[in-house]
Amino acid sequence: MNTSYTTASAVPGIIADPATLDPQAVRCLWMRPVLDKDSQAAFLPSVVFKDGTDCPLACEMNDLHARQFCQRLSAIYDWPVKDGRVLEASAEVATDRAYASLDEGDRMEKDGQGWVNVPGMGRMAAILAHDAGLPLGVALEGVTGKLALLFAKMAEQTAMQPHVVKKNLRAATEAACAKLTELYDDEQRGPGASEISPERLGVMVADYHHAKGSTDELFQKGLTAALEAGTDAWKKQKNSPTEIEHKTMAVLDAGIMHWFRLTGRNVVGDWATTTVRYLWGLLTRKTLFYMCGNKSVST
């Protein structure tokens, strides 16, 4: 009996064979924007399942070849082709879910638009960090840093008095810390991204997700969020763009290789480096930290 995969997590390899997919479980074919080995724009023909997961169907290629590849499969299987889409786990959808999970006292709807109060901002940031798959220490550092940056920008762009900004920042930060404590339950706080080496950051994220029994997709999501947190920390440390790029690749190299070892997929030699670079292309669609997305903030 032939295998018919209905979700990306069931596909055993990095690239799926279209013939092994359950046609009824496929939502569409997707020309996924990535970077090739030379950091140039490319596209990765992928399948998107109805559960929101996706998996590559071939290696990256240019726009024309990717489109031709997807159109050929579309003609065979009658699957629609999409140049872009909102993923179930995208930042926009994650923000909407975080907003919806807030207590009614933290949010309100007015004229079809969502509004979040100051404590709600902190709790929403905490929910986003937790849902992104960050270890507690990285999440705490990232959330408090982003709240501080957000309120600093508000002070620059509004007539809000400094003492009011300070008061609101304290309220949002306290709410965020309390929510993180609730979400992470009894987990021990580890270091933040600024307190460890890039290699240690990648390994820590892999260990965190392995301990939780995460899928490849959840690990990739967490590693992407950790890269965002690391980039913020390195910018604060006045690292140059070149230094940040090197640290980014160090996180990816260490994190992905450690994840492969933890999940029994040991790789050695030149193929290991090639695999890391390939997975870097898969990770270029970042899961960004959005504090409030398209939600307005009441103060």
Protein backbone atom coordinates (compact mmCIF):
# COMPACT_ATOMS: atom_id res chain seq x y z
CA MET A 1 0.00 0.00 0.00
CA ASN A 2 1.44 3.36 -1.03
CA THR A 3 2.01 5.98 1.67
CA SER A 4 -0.14 9.12 1.43
CA TYR A 5 1.13 11.94 3.61
CA THR A 6 -1.37 14.42 4.97
CA THR A 7 0.99 16.73 6.89
CA ALA A 8 4.56 17.96 6.52
CA SER A 9 5.66 16.45 9.83
CA ALA A 10 4.97 12.96 8.45
CA VAL A 11 7.27 13.38 5.45
CA PRO A 12 10.51 11.53 6.35
CA GLY A 13 12.92 13.61 4.27
CA ILE A 14 13.64 17.26 3.63
CA ILE A 15 11.99 17.11 0.18
CA ALA A 16 8.64 15.41 -0.45
CA ASP A 17 7.77 13.32 -3.50
CA PRO A 18 4.46 14.66 -4.90
CA ALA A 19 3.38 11.08 -5.64
CA THR A 20 3.44 10.26 -1.91
CA LEU A 21 1.06 13.07 -0.90
CA ASP A 22 -2.62 12.62 -0.20
CA PRO A 23 -4.25 14.77 -2.92
CA GLN A 24 -7.20 15.54 -0.65
CA ALA A 25 -4.90 16.88 2.07
CA VAL A 26 -3.14 19.42 -0.18
CA ARG A 27 -4.29 23.02 0.00
CA CYS A 28 -2.03 24.42 -2.72
CA LEU A 29 1.43 24.56 -4.24
CA TRP A 30 3.54 27.47 -3.08
CA MET A 31 6.46 29.34 -4.64
CA ARG A 32 8.21 30.01 -1.36
CA PRO A 33 10.69 32.94 -1.42
CA VAL A 34 14.11 31.94 -0.04
CA LEU A 35 17.80 32.76 -0.46
CA ASP A 36 20.12 30.51 -2.45
CA LYS A 37 23.65 29.56 -1.36
CA ASP A 38 24.94 32.90 -2.67
CA SER A 39 22.31 34.84 -0.68
CA GLN A 40 20.45 35.71 -3.89
CA ALA A 41 16.65 35.71 -4.19
CA ALA A 42 15.24 32.34 -5.21
CA PHE A 43 12.07 30.28 -4.90
CA LEU A 44 11.42 26.92 -3.29
CA PRO A 45 8.52 24.93 -4.84
CA SER A 46 6.58 23.65 -1.83
CA VAL A 47 3.34 21.90 -0.95
CA VAL A 48 1.00 23.46 1.60
CA PHE A 49 -1.22 21.00 3.42
CA LYS A 50 -4.68 21.82 4.69
CA ASP A 51 -3.39 21.72 8.27
CA GLY A 52 -1.17 24.73 7.47
CA THR A 53 2.16 22.85 7.36
CA ASP A 54 4.39 23.00 4.28
CA CYS A 55 7.23 20.97 2.79
CA PRO A 56 9.66 21.56 -0.12
CA LEU A 57 9.11 19.58 -3.32
CA ALA A 58 12.45 20.50 -4.91
CA CYS A 59 15.59 22.54 -4.31
CA GLU A 60 15.53 26.32 -4.75
CA MET A 61 15.40 27.68 -8.29
CA ASN A 62 14.73 30.94 -10.10
CA ASP A 63 11.30 32.47 -10.55
CA LEU A 64 10.62 31.04 -14.02
CA HIS A 65 11.73 27.50 -13.25
CA ALA A 66 9.86 27.42 -9.94
CA ARG A 67 6.70 28.60 -11.64
CA GLN A 68 7.07 25.99 -14.41
CA PHE A 69 7.69 23.27 -11.83
CA CYS A 70 4.56 24.17 -9.85
CA GLN A 71 2.41 24.57 -12.95
CA ARG A 72 3.36 21.09 -14.17
CA LEU A 73 2.31 19.58 -10.86
CA SER A 74 -0.84 21.69 -10.90
CA ALA A 75 -1.78 20.25 -14.28
CA ILE A 76 -1.25 16.70 -13.03
CA TYR A 77 -2.93 16.90 -9.62
CA ASP A 78 -5.27 19.88 -10.08
CA TRP A 79 -3.69 21.76 -7.17
CA PRO A 80 -3.78 25.60 -7.22
CA VAL A 81 -0.50 27.52 -7.30
CA LYS A 82 0.10 30.44 -4.92
CA ASP A 83 2.90 33.01 -5.01
CA GLY A 84 2.25 33.90 -1.38
CA ARG A 85 -0.12 33.19 1.47
CA VAL A 86 -0.76 33.83 5.15
CA LEU A 87 0.46 30.79 7.05
CA GLU A 88 -1.49 29.38 9.95
CA ALA A 89 1.60 30.16 12.06
CA SER A 90 2.41 33.51 10.46
CA ALA A 91 3.09 36.60 12.54
CA GLU A 92 -0.22 38.17 11.53
CA VAL A 93 -2.26 35.12 12.54
CA ALA A 94 -0.20 34.65 15.71
CA THR A 95 -0.93 38.25 16.67
CA ASP A 96 -4.65 37.79 16.11
CA ARG A 97 -4.64 34.65 18.25
CA ALA A 98 -2.70 36.37 21.02
CA TYR A 99 -5.13 39.28 20.92
CA ALA A 100 -8.12 36.94 21.09
CA SER A 101 -6.64 35.12 24.10
CA LEU A 102 -6.42 38.32 26.18
CA ASP A 103 -8.98 38.90 28.91
CA GLU A 104 -11.79 41.25 27.98
CA GLY A 105 -10.39 43.79 30.42
CA ASP A 106 -7.22 44.03 28.32
CA ARG A 107 -8.85 44.55 24.93
CA MET A 108 -11.84 46.08 23.25
CA GLU A 109 -13.31 46.42 19.78
CA LYS A 110 -14.27 49.82 18.42
CA ASP A 111 -15.36 50.53 14.86
CA GLY A 112 -14.06 47.12 13.82
CA GLN A 113 -10.60 47.77 15.23
CA GLY A 114 -8.92 46.08 18.17
CA TRP A 115 -7.53 48.15 21.03
CA VAL A 116 -5.15 46.91 23.73
CA ASN A 117 -4.50 48.62 27.05
CA VAL A 118 -1.03 48.93 28.60
CA PRO A 119 -1.04 45.74 30.73
CA GLY A 120 -2.58 43.94 27.76
CA MET A 121 0.39 44.97 25.65
CA GLY A 122 2.72 43.24 28.09
CA ARG A 123 0.62 40.10 28.30
CA MET A 124 0.25 39.97 24.53
CA ALA A 125 4.02 40.25 24.06
CA ALA A 126 4.49 37.39 26.53
CA ILE A 127 2.00 35.19 24.69
CA LEU A 128 3.73 35.85 21.37
CA ALA A 129 7.15 34.99 22.81
CA HIS A 130 5.88 31.76 24.34
CA ASP A 131 3.99 30.72 21.22
CA ALA A 132 7.08 31.43 19.09
CA GLY A 133 8.90 28.65 20.94
CA LEU A 134 11.51 30.67 22.83
CA PRO A 135 13.16 29.38 26.01
CA LEU A 136 12.13 31.40 29.06
CA GLY A 137 15.34 33.41 29.46
CA VAL A 138 15.40 34.43 25.79
CA ALA A 139 11.70 35.24 25.89
CA LEU A 140 12.01 37.39 29.02
CA GLU A 141 14.95 39.38 27.66
CA GLY A 142 13.30 39.80 24.27
CA VAL A 143 9.92 40.89 25.62
CA THR A 144 11.27 43.42 28.11
CA GLY A 145 13.65 44.84 25.50
CA LYS A 146 10.94 45.22 22.89
CA LEU A 147 8.56 46.85 25.36
CA ALA A 148 11.26 49.35 26.32
CA LEU A 149 11.91 50.13 22.66
CA LEU A 150 8.19 50.45 21.92
CA PHE A 151 7.57 52.93 24.74
CA ALA A 152 10.68 54.90 23.82
CA LYS A 153 9.28 55.33 20.32
CA MET A 154 5.89 56.31 21.75
CA ALA A 155 7.63 58.98 23.84
CA GLU A 156 9.28 60.37 20.71
CA GLN A 157 6.14 60.36 18.58
CA THR A 158 3.53 61.51 21.09
CA ALA A 159 3.09 64.25 23.66
CA MET A 160 3.16 61.71 26.49
CA GLN A 161 5.05 63.01 29.53
CA PRO A 162 8.24 61.12 30.53
CA HIS A 163 6.83 60.11 33.91
CA VAL A 164 3.73 58.69 32.20
CA VAL A 165 5.89 56.72 29.75
CA LYS A 166 7.91 55.32 32.64
CA LYS A 167 4.74 54.38 34.54
CA ASN A 168 3.20 52.66 31.52
CA LEU A 169 6.41 50.81 30.70
CA ARG A 170 6.58 49.51 34.26
CA ALA A 171 2.93 48.36 34.11
CA ALA A 172 3.42 46.60 30.76
CA THR A 173 6.67 44.95 31.87
CA GLU A 174 5.18 43.71 35.16
CA ALA A 175 2.19 42.29 33.29
CA ALA A 176 4.50 40.61 30.76
CA CYS A 177 6.67 39.03 33.45
CA ALA A 178 3.64 37.73 35.32
CA LYS A 179 2.21 36.25 32.12
CA LEU A 180 5.54 34.62 31.23
CA THR A 181 5.68 33.05 34.69
CA GLU A 182 2.18 31.68 34.15
CA LEU A 183 2.85 30.38 30.63
CA TYR A 184 6.19 28.75 31.41
CA ASP A 185 4.87 27.30 34.67
CA ASP A 186 7.76 25.79 36.67
CA GLU A 187 10.45 26.09 33.98
CA GLN A 188 13.78 27.42 35.15
CA ARG A 189 14.91 30.69 33.65
CA GLY A 190 18.01 30.35 31.49
CA PRO A 191 20.20 33.07 29.96
CA GLY A 192 19.05 35.66 27.45
CA ALA A 193 20.40 35.88 23.92
CA SER A 194 22.81 38.68 24.90
CA GLU A 195 24.34 36.63 27.71
CA ILE A 196 25.62 33.64 25.71
CA SER A 197 27.53 32.89 22.55
CA PRO A 198 25.64 32.44 19.26
CA GLU A 199 26.61 28.76 19.23
CA ARG A 200 25.22 28.26 22.72
CA LEU A 201 22.00 30.02 21.72
CA GLY A 202 21.43 27.59 18.84
CA VAL A 203 22.19 24.55 20.99
CA MET A 204 19.96 25.82 23.80
CA VAL A 205 16.98 26.21 21.46
CA ALA A 206 17.53 22.70 20.10
CA ASP A 207 17.74 21.26 23.62
CA TYR A 208 14.62 23.15 24.66
CA HIS A 209 12.53 21.82 21.80
CA HIS A 210 13.91 18.30 22.04
CA ALA A 211 12.92 18.21 25.71
CA LYS A 212 9.41 19.25 24.72
CA GLY A 213 9.16 16.66 21.94
CA SER A 214 8.74 19.34 19.28
CA THR A 215 8.44 18.62 15.58
CA ASP A 216 10.92 19.94 13.03
CA GLU A 217 8.49 22.74 12.22
CA LEU A 218 8.20 23.86 15.84
CA PHE A 219 11.97 23.75 16.27
CA GLN A 220 12.48 25.83 13.12
CA LYS A 221 9.91 28.31 14.37
CA GLY A 222 11.70 28.58 17.72
CA LEU A 223 15.11 28.92 16.09
CA THR A 224 13.82 31.68 13.83
CA ALA A 225 12.41 33.55 16.83
CA ALA A 226 15.73 33.09 18.64
CA LEU A 227 17.53 34.60 15.66
CA GLU A 228 15.24 37.62 15.88
CA ALA A 229 15.96 37.94 19.60
CA GLY A 230 19.68 37.49 18.98
CA THR A 231 19.71 40.12 16.25
CA ASP A 232 18.04 42.61 18.59
CA ALA A 233 20.61 41.88 21.29
CA TRP A 234 23.57 42.15 18.92
CA LYS A 235 22.32 45.46 17.57
CA LYS A 236 22.17 46.79 21.14
CA GLN A 237 25.77 45.65 21.54
CA LYS A 238 26.68 47.79 18.49
CA ASN A 239 27.70 44.79 16.38
CA SER A 240 28.31 45.53 12.70
CA PRO A 241 26.08 43.98 10.01
CA THR A 242 28.96 41.63 9.12
CA GLU A 243 29.30 40.53 12.74
CA ILE A 244 25.57 39.96 13.01
CA GLU A 245 25.61 37.89 9.82
CA HIS A 246 28.43 35.72 11.17
CA LYS A 247 26.62 35.25 14.48
CA THR A 248 23.40 34.38 12.65
CA MET A 249 25.14 31.63 10.71
CA ALA A 250 26.79 30.39 13.92
CA VAL A 251 23.37 30.07 15.59
CA LEU A 252 21.97 28.22 12.59
CA ASP A 253 24.99 25.94 12.22
CA ALA A 254 25.12 24.96 15.89
CA GLY A 255 21.35 24.77 16.37
CA ILE A 256 20.49 22.72 13.30
CA MET A 257 23.43 20.33 13.63
CA HIS A 258 22.62 19.75 17.32
CA TRP A 259 18.96 19.20 16.45
CA PHE A 260 19.98 16.63 13.83
CA ARG A 261 22.10 14.82 16.44
CA LEU A 262 19.32 14.90 19.02
CA THR A 263 16.79 13.48 16.55
CA GLY A 264 19.10 10.75 15.28
CA ARG A 265 20.05 12.35 11.98
CA ASN A 266 23.80 12.65 12.38
CA VAL A 267 25.59 14.31 9.48
CA VAL A 268 29.31 14.79 8.94
CA GLY A 269 31.63 16.28 6.36
CA ASP A 270 30.84 18.69 3.56
CA TRP A 271 27.25 17.50 3.32
CA ALA A 272 26.63 18.89 6.80
CA THR A 273 27.62 22.39 5.75
CA THR A 274 25.54 22.13 2.60
CA THR A 275 22.53 21.01 4.63
CA VAL A 276 22.85 23.91 7.06
CA ARG A 277 23.03 26.41 4.21
CA TYR A 278 20.01 24.77 2.59
CA LEU A 279 17.99 24.95 5.80
CA TRP A 280 19.04 28.59 6.14
CA GLY A 281 17.08 29.17 2.93
CA LEU A 282 14.07 27.47 4.51
CA LEU A 283 14.35 29.71 7.55
CA THR A 284 14.53 33.05 5.74
CA ARG A 285 10.76 33.46 6.04
CA LYS A 286 11.00 34.72 9.59
CA THR A 287 8.44 34.49 12.33
CA LEU A 288 8.81 38.05 13.57
CA PHE A 289 7.93 39.37 16.99
CA TYR A 290 4.97 41.72 16.51
CA MET A 291 4.03 43.50 19.68
CA CYS A 292 0.58 44.55 18.60
CA GLY A 293 0.43 43.87 14.87
CA ASN A 294 -2.39 45.93 13.39
CA LYS A 295 -3.93 46.49 16.82
CA SER A 296 -4.07 50.02 18.21
CA VAL A 297 -2.89 50.78 21.74
CA SER A 298 -4.82 52.78 24.30
CA THR A 299 -2.93 54.51 27.05
